Amino acid sequence: MSIDVQGVIQALSRAVEVSPGDKGHTLYPVITISRDLGTGGEEISRLLAERLGLDIYDENIIDAIAQRSEVNKNVLKTLHEKVSSASDSWLYAMVTGKNVSRTDYINALVTVIRCIYHKGGIVIGRGGHVVLQGRDVLRVRLTGSNEACARRVAHRERLSLSEAKARCKEVNQERAKFVWNMFGSRLNDPTNFDLTINTDHFAHYEQVVEILLRSMEMMGFSQRRTGMTSR
């Protein structure tokens, strides 16, 4: 997939240049989605984005923004200064095209996710629920049994059930390891999320989306942030 990194960066920059209190400015909802493989996370995110009119920022897009060097330095500098502390040093390593250190990458990742918070959108993975902890976002964890998740993966990727189970285990371990290594947070800790849903017994992902929309209303997102729409 070709990613217009500079286009995304510029869109985020424009978003944070506008104060949330400015007249006529719409503060769109923010949802973070943490998901096990085979729980329908991508499909649920897509359906939710359509209902709310939001952009989706998956791990590939976030990584591309954080790591690729062919972006405009002035735009990045403006963006960085508006949402991050002066002590962060990731910018210079990123724009020079050199390999960034772990610390540089974490700082870049945090900055990008904070920018998305100002713009609104759905953040899939990459520890978004940790970065935006304590803010007015809905932090969702999608999980399921190994059997049910493996059946979905086997059907989608044309694998045997045993192969799909092994793949689910491997991917889930990688995702948990990433969050632990980056933020020292355990992915399966339920206290890190506002809502955890086991998708095993939902016949349609639209049902999960309805739960998320209703939860946002009950938690007051429609009052704190505008832009929510209903079917």
Protein backbone atom coordinates (compact mmCIF):
# COMPACT_ATOMS: atom_id res chain seq x y z
CA MET A 1 0.00 0.00 0.00
CA SER A 2 1.33 3.43 -0.96
CA ILE A 3 1.14 5.89 1.92
CA ASP A 4 1.16 9.64 1.36
CA VAL A 5 3.18 10.38 4.47
CA GLN A 6 3.58 14.08 3.84
CA GLY A 7 -0.13 14.44 3.13
CA VAL A 8 -1.02 12.83 6.45
CA ILE A 9 1.58 14.91 8.30
CA GLN A 10 0.20 18.14 6.80
CA ALA A 11 -3.37 17.15 7.70
CA LEU A 12 -2.33 16.51 11.29
CA SER A 13 -0.43 19.78 11.39
CA ARG A 14 -3.47 21.73 10.20
CA ALA A 15 -5.57 20.03 12.86
CA VAL A 16 -3.34 20.96 15.79
CA GLU A 17 -2.90 24.52 14.54
CA VAL A 18 -6.59 25.11 15.33
CA SER A 19 -7.46 25.51 18.97
CA PRO A 20 -10.36 23.26 20.12
CA GLY A 21 -12.02 26.40 21.48
CA ASP A 22 -12.00 28.19 18.15
CA LYS A 23 -15.43 29.08 16.82
CA GLY A 24 -16.66 26.62 14.28
CA HIS A 25 -13.94 24.07 15.04
CA THR A 26 -15.19 20.49 15.24
CA LEU A 27 -13.41 18.22 17.72
CA TYR A 28 -13.90 14.74 16.33
CA PRO A 29 -14.04 11.54 18.41
CA VAL A 30 -10.95 9.43 19.06
CA ILE A 31 -11.07 5.67 19.52
CA THR A 32 -8.13 3.35 20.10
CA ILE A 33 -8.53 -0.28 19.04
CA SER A 34 -6.33 -2.99 20.50
CA ARG A 35 -7.15 -6.37 19.01
CA ASP A 36 -6.12 -10.00 18.96
CA LEU A 37 -5.70 -11.56 15.54
CA GLY A 38 -8.98 -12.97 14.28
CA THR A 39 -11.25 -10.76 16.37
CA GLY A 40 -12.37 -8.63 13.42
CA GLY A 41 -10.48 -5.54 14.55
CA GLU A 42 -9.82 -4.14 11.09
CA GLU A 43 -13.37 -4.77 9.89
CA ILE A 44 -14.92 -3.30 13.04
CA SER A 45 -12.66 -0.25 12.78
CA ARG A 46 -13.69 0.26 9.15
CA LEU A 47 -17.40 0.05 9.95
CA LEU A 48 -17.01 2.38 12.93
CA ALA A 49 -15.04 4.87 10.83
CA GLU A 50 -17.81 4.89 8.23
CA ARG A 51 -20.46 5.56 10.86
CA LEU A 52 -18.47 8.38 12.48
CA GLY A 53 -16.88 9.85 9.38
CA LEU A 54 -13.37 9.32 10.77
CA ASP A 55 -9.99 8.39 9.32
CA ILE A 56 -8.27 5.16 10.35
CA TYR A 57 -4.64 5.16 11.43
CA ASP A 58 -3.34 1.62 11.49
CA GLU A 59 0.10 0.44 12.55
CA ASN A 60 1.50 0.74 9.01
CA ILE A 61 0.52 4.40 8.66
CA ILE A 62 1.76 5.33 12.14
CA ASP A 63 5.08 3.58 11.54
CA ALA A 64 5.46 5.24 8.16
CA ILE A 65 4.96 8.70 9.64
CA ALA A 66 7.29 7.96 12.54
CA GLN A 67 10.11 6.39 10.56
CA ARG A 68 10.22 7.61 6.95
CA SER A 69 12.53 10.49 6.14
CA GLU A 70 11.12 11.92 2.88
CA VAL A 71 8.92 14.51 4.59
CA ASN A 72 9.08 18.25 4.89
CA LYS A 73 11.25 19.30 7.83
CA ASN A 74 9.44 22.57 8.50
CA VAL A 75 6.03 20.91 8.62
CA LEU A 76 7.30 18.24 11.00
CA LYS A 77 9.01 20.82 13.19
CA THR A 78 5.79 22.83 13.51
CA LEU A 79 3.82 19.71 14.31
CA HIS A 80 6.37 18.55 16.85
CA GLU A 81 6.52 21.87 18.70
CA LYS A 82 2.75 22.04 19.08
CA VAL A 83 2.14 18.65 20.66
CA SER A 84 5.39 17.44 22.19
CA SER A 85 7.90 18.56 24.77
CA ALA A 86 11.10 20.37 23.85
CA SER A 87 13.18 17.50 25.21
CA ASP A 88 12.09 15.07 22.47
CA SER A 89 14.91 14.59 19.94
CA TRP A 90 13.35 12.25 17.38
CA LEU A 91 12.80 14.83 14.63
CA TYR A 92 16.33 15.28 13.46
CA ALA A 93 17.15 11.58 13.17
CA MET A 94 13.92 11.03 11.24
CA VAL A 95 14.40 13.71 8.61
CA THR A 96 18.03 12.82 7.95
CA GLY A 97 17.08 9.27 7.00
CA LYS A 98 19.35 7.71 9.62
CA ASN A 99 18.26 4.76 11.71
CA VAL A 100 16.44 6.05 14.77
CA SER A 101 17.09 4.75 18.24
CA ARG A 102 14.42 3.11 20.36
CA THR A 103 13.99 6.32 22.34
CA ASP A 104 13.70 8.38 19.16
CA TYR A 105 11.09 6.00 17.79
CA ILE A 106 9.02 6.07 20.98
CA ASN A 107 9.08 9.87 21.01
CA ALA A 108 8.01 9.94 17.36
CA LEU A 109 5.26 7.40 17.96
CA VAL A 110 3.89 9.30 20.95
CA THR A 111 3.95 12.59 19.04
CA VAL A 112 2.10 11.15 16.05
CA ILE A 113 -0.62 9.58 18.21
CA ARG A 114 -1.05 12.81 20.16
CA CYS A 115 -1.49 14.64 16.86
CA ILE A 116 -4.20 12.18 15.87
CA TYR A 117 -5.90 12.96 19.17
CA HIS A 118 -6.21 16.60 18.08
CA LYS A 119 -7.50 15.67 14.63
CA GLY A 120 -9.80 12.81 15.58
CA GLY A 121 -9.71 9.29 14.21
CA ILE A 122 -9.41 5.61 14.97
CA VAL A 123 -5.98 4.42 16.09
CA ILE A 124 -5.40 0.70 15.56
CA GLY A 125 -2.67 -0.85 17.67
CA ARG A 126 0.76 0.64 18.40
CA GLY A 127 -0.09 1.24 22.06
CA GLY A 128 -2.50 4.08 21.32
CA HIS A 129 -4.49 3.18 24.43
CA VAL A 130 -1.39 3.77 26.56
CA VAL A 131 -0.35 7.03 24.91
CA LEU A 132 -3.85 8.53 25.24
CA GLN A 133 -4.60 7.24 28.72
CA GLY A 134 -6.51 9.81 30.77
CA ARG A 135 -7.80 11.73 27.75
CA ASP A 136 -11.34 11.84 26.40
CA VAL A 137 -10.98 8.84 24.13
CA LEU A 138 -12.65 5.45 24.04
CA ARG A 139 -10.03 2.73 24.54
CA VAL A 140 -11.28 -0.59 23.22
CA ARG A 141 -9.84 -4.09 23.52
CA LEU A 142 -11.14 -6.79 21.15
CA THR A 143 -10.42 -10.35 22.18
CA GLY A 144 -11.67 -13.87 21.63
CA SER A 145 -10.97 -17.54 22.18
CA ASN A 146 -8.09 -19.11 20.30
CA GLU A 147 -10.49 -21.52 18.60
CA ALA A 148 -12.90 -18.88 17.29
CA CYS A 149 -10.15 -16.51 16.19
CA ALA A 150 -8.23 -19.28 14.47
CA ARG A 151 -11.31 -20.35 12.51
CA ARG A 152 -11.70 -16.84 11.13
CA VAL A 153 -8.02 -16.59 10.25
CA ALA A 154 -8.06 -20.04 8.63
CA HIS A 155 -11.01 -19.06 6.45
CA ARG A 156 -9.59 -15.66 5.50
CA GLU A 157 -6.03 -16.78 4.81
CA ARG A 158 -6.81 -20.30 3.59
CA LEU A 159 -4.84 -22.03 6.30
CA SER A 160 -5.43 -25.23 8.19
CA LEU A 161 -6.89 -24.77 11.67
CA SER A 162 -3.61 -25.79 13.30
CA GLU A 163 -1.68 -23.33 11.13
CA ALA A 164 -4.14 -20.58 11.97
CA LYS A 165 -3.85 -21.28 15.70
CA ALA A 166 -0.07 -21.04 15.48
CA ARG A 167 -0.32 -17.79 13.53
CA CYS A 168 -2.74 -16.27 16.04
CA LYS A 169 -0.43 -17.17 18.90
CA GLU A 170 2.61 -15.72 17.15
CA VAL A 171 0.97 -12.43 16.14
CA ASN A 172 -0.65 -11.91 19.53
CA GLN A 173 2.65 -12.49 21.28
CA GLU A 174 4.36 -9.99 18.97
CA ARG A 175 1.73 -7.35 19.68
CA ALA A 176 1.95 -7.88 23.44
CA LYS A 177 5.75 -7.77 23.29
CA PHE A 178 5.67 -4.48 21.35
CA VAL A 179 3.47 -2.75 23.93
CA TRP A 180 5.57 -4.10 26.79
CA ASN A 181 8.88 -3.12 25.20
CA MET A 182 7.69 0.34 24.21
CA PHE A 183 5.60 1.33 27.23
CA GLY A 184 6.09 -1.29 29.96
CA SER A 185 2.36 -2.06 29.83
CA ARG A 186 0.71 -5.48 29.66
CA LEU A 187 -1.67 -5.74 26.72
CA ASN A 188 -4.12 -8.04 28.50
CA ASP A 189 -4.51 -5.83 31.57
CA PRO A 190 -8.24 -4.96 31.51
CA THR A 191 -7.69 -1.80 33.56
CA ASN A 192 -5.93 -0.25 30.55
CA PHE A 193 -9.18 -0.19 28.56
CA ASP A 194 -12.60 1.37 28.87
CA LEU A 195 -14.30 -1.51 27.11
CA THR A 196 -13.25 -5.11 26.41
CA ILE A 197 -15.36 -7.17 24.02
CA ASN A 198 -15.14 -10.89 23.30
CA THR A 199 -16.22 -11.14 19.66
CA ASP A 200 -16.69 -14.94 19.67
CA HIS A 201 -20.47 -14.96 19.63
CA PHE A 202 -21.30 -11.93 17.53
CA ALA A 203 -22.76 -13.02 14.22
CA HIS A 204 -22.11 -9.63 12.60
CA TYR A 205 -19.45 -7.04 13.32
CA GLU A 206 -22.10 -4.33 12.98
CA GLN A 207 -23.39 -5.52 16.36
CA VAL A 208 -20.03 -4.71 17.94
CA VAL A 209 -20.06 -1.30 16.28
CA GLU A 210 -23.46 -0.57 17.80
CA ILE A 211 -22.08 -1.43 21.25
CA LEU A 212 -19.18 0.96 20.72
CA LEU A 213 -21.42 3.79 19.53
CA ARG A 214 -23.79 3.30 22.46
CA SER A 215 -20.86 3.21 24.88
CA MET A 216 -19.55 6.50 23.50
CA GLU A 217 -22.94 8.11 24.05
CA MET A 218 -23.22 6.78 27.60
CA MET A 219 -19.69 7.97 28.44
CA GLY A 220 -20.55 11.48 27.27
CA PHE A 221 -18.49 11.64 24.10
CA SER A 222 -21.35 13.27 22.23
CA GLN A 223 -21.16 16.17 24.70
CA ARG A 224 -17.35 16.46 24.93
CA ARG A 225 -16.63 15.97 21.25
CA THR A 226 -18.85 16.71 18.27
CA GLY A 227 -18.89 15.04 14.89
CA MET A 228 -20.70 11.87 15.95
CA THR A 229 -23.35 10.75 13.51
CA SER A 230 -25.96 8.03 13.58
CA ARG A 231 -27.49 5.93 10.88
